[in-house]
Amino acid sequence: MEGLANVRLRTVDGGALLAVKVVPGASRDKLVGVLGDCLKVATSAAAEKGKANAAVGRILAKALGLDRRDVRLQAGASSPRKEFLLAGLTADEARRRLGVGPAN
């Protein structure tokens, strides 16, 4: 994925923190690309009652080859800009998986 080196992604205790820009209400669920220092993720889920946050967690888990429970929202629950913890991955491994992950 082009621009992945610019995404804010850092290794922390227990995994890696990934900066995400969420676009709810899209026509389909997909990794869109890079927007500034965030991975841009579109979801068809509405931005209400945590539906979009849960959908983005599922999208990230699938793209990274993780179990859904290993992707947790850490910050930005009501903001379009969020941070997700990717449990068990380093920042380098997450970048590698995003760069060669399944087609979206």
Protein backbone atom coordinates (compact mmCIF):
# COMPACT_ATOMS: atom_id res chain seq x y z
CA MET A 1 0.00 0.00 0.00
CA GLU A 2 1.47 3.32 -1.07
CA GLY A 3 2.35 5.80 1.68
CA LEU A 4 2.27 3.18 4.43
CA ALA A 5 5.59 4.45 5.77
CA ASN A 6 3.82 7.71 6.72
CA VAL A 7 1.16 6.01 8.88
CA ARG A 8 1.50 6.60 12.62
CA LEU A 9 2.18 3.09 13.88
CA ARG A 10 4.27 2.33 16.94
CA THR A 11 5.14 -0.69 19.03
CA VAL A 12 3.86 -0.57 22.61
CA ASP A 13 3.51 -3.12 25.41
CA GLY A 14 1.21 -5.84 24.12
CA GLY A 15 1.21 -4.89 20.44
CA ALA A 16 1.19 -1.94 18.08
CA LEU A 17 -0.92 1.23 18.02
CA LEU A 18 -2.27 2.15 14.60
CA ALA A 19 -3.71 5.56 13.68
CA VAL A 20 -6.90 5.21 11.62
CA LYS A 21 -9.20 7.67 9.83
CA VAL A 22 -12.69 6.15 9.61
CA VAL A 23 -15.19 6.93 6.85
CA PRO A 24 -18.57 5.53 7.96
CA GLY A 25 -21.56 5.06 5.66
CA ALA A 26 -19.46 4.08 2.63
CA SER A 27 -20.74 1.77 -0.09
CA ARG A 28 -18.50 -1.08 1.11
CA ASP A 29 -15.94 -2.07 3.72
CA LYS A 30 -12.33 -1.60 2.63
CA LEU A 31 -8.89 -0.21 3.35
CA VAL A 32 -8.86 2.94 1.25
CA GLY A 33 -5.22 3.97 1.59
CA VAL A 34 -3.23 6.52 3.54
CA LEU A 35 -4.47 9.96 4.54
CA GLY A 36 -1.77 12.04 6.20
CA ASP A 37 -0.48 9.96 9.10
CA CYS A 38 -3.53 7.65 9.25
CA LEU A 39 -4.66 4.49 7.53
CA LYS A 40 -7.99 5.40 5.91
CA VAL A 41 -10.68 2.75 6.38
CA ALA A 42 -14.17 2.94 4.86
CA THR A 43 -17.11 1.02 6.30
CA SER A 44 -20.73 0.67 5.31
CA ALA A 45 -21.65 0.72 9.01
CA ALA A 46 -23.25 3.83 10.45
CA ALA A 47 -21.42 6.07 12.91
CA GLU A 48 -23.84 5.30 15.73
CA LYS A 49 -23.66 3.25 18.92
CA GLY A 50 -20.17 1.96 18.09
CA LYS A 51 -21.24 0.19 14.88
CA ALA A 52 -18.56 1.80 12.70
CA ASN A 53 -15.87 1.20 15.34
CA ALA A 54 -16.75 -2.50 15.52
CA ALA A 55 -16.80 -2.77 11.73
CA VAL A 56 -13.37 -1.13 11.43
CA GLY A 57 -12.02 -3.58 14.00
CA ARG A 58 -13.26 -6.47 11.85
CA ILE A 59 -11.81 -4.92 8.67
CA LEU A 60 -8.41 -4.42 10.30
CA ALA A 61 -8.41 -7.92 11.81
CA LYS A 62 -9.11 -9.47 8.40
CA ALA A 63 -6.48 -7.35 6.62
CA LEU A 64 -3.85 -8.17 9.24
CA GLY A 65 -4.68 -11.84 9.66
CA LEU A 66 -5.63 -11.36 13.32
CA ASP A 67 -8.51 -12.63 15.40
CA ARG A 68 -11.14 -9.91 15.89
CA ARG A 69 -10.51 -9.82 19.63
CA ASP A 70 -6.85 -8.90 18.97
CA VAL A 71 -7.87 -5.54 17.45
CA ARG A 72 -9.11 -3.12 20.11
CA LEU A 73 -10.11 0.53 19.96
CA GLN A 74 -7.77 2.48 22.25
CA ALA A 75 -8.66 6.11 21.56
CA GLY A 76 -11.12 8.22 19.59
CA ALA A 77 -14.40 6.35 20.13
CA SER A 78 -16.50 9.31 18.95
CA SER A 79 -13.97 10.84 16.56
CA PRO A 80 -13.23 9.95 12.93
CA ARG A 81 -9.55 9.69 13.92
CA LYS A 82 -8.87 6.71 16.13
CA GLU A 83 -6.12 4.49 17.47
CA PHE A 84 -6.44 0.73 17.44
CA LEU A 85 -4.25 -1.67 19.41
CA LEU A 86 -3.10 -4.61 17.31
CA ALA A 87 -2.36 -7.18 20.00
CA GLY A 88 0.66 -9.40 19.46
CA LEU A 89 2.10 -7.46 16.50
CA THR A 90 5.04 -5.12 16.30
CA ALA A 91 4.75 -1.96 14.22
CA ASP A 92 7.11 -3.47 11.62
CA GLU A 93 5.06 -6.67 11.34
CA ALA A 94 1.82 -4.69 11.02
CA ARG A 95 3.33 -2.58 8.21
CA ARG A 96 4.53 -5.72 6.46
CA ARG A 97 1.10 -7.36 6.69
CA LEU A 98 -0.68 -4.24 5.46
CA GLY A 99 1.73 -3.93 2.56
CA VAL A 100 1.26 -7.48 1.33
CA GLY A 101 -2.13 -8.27 2.83
CA PRO A 102 -5.16 -9.64 1.01
CA ALA A 103 -6.76 -7.54 -1.71
CA ASN A 104 -9.58 -5.30 -0.52
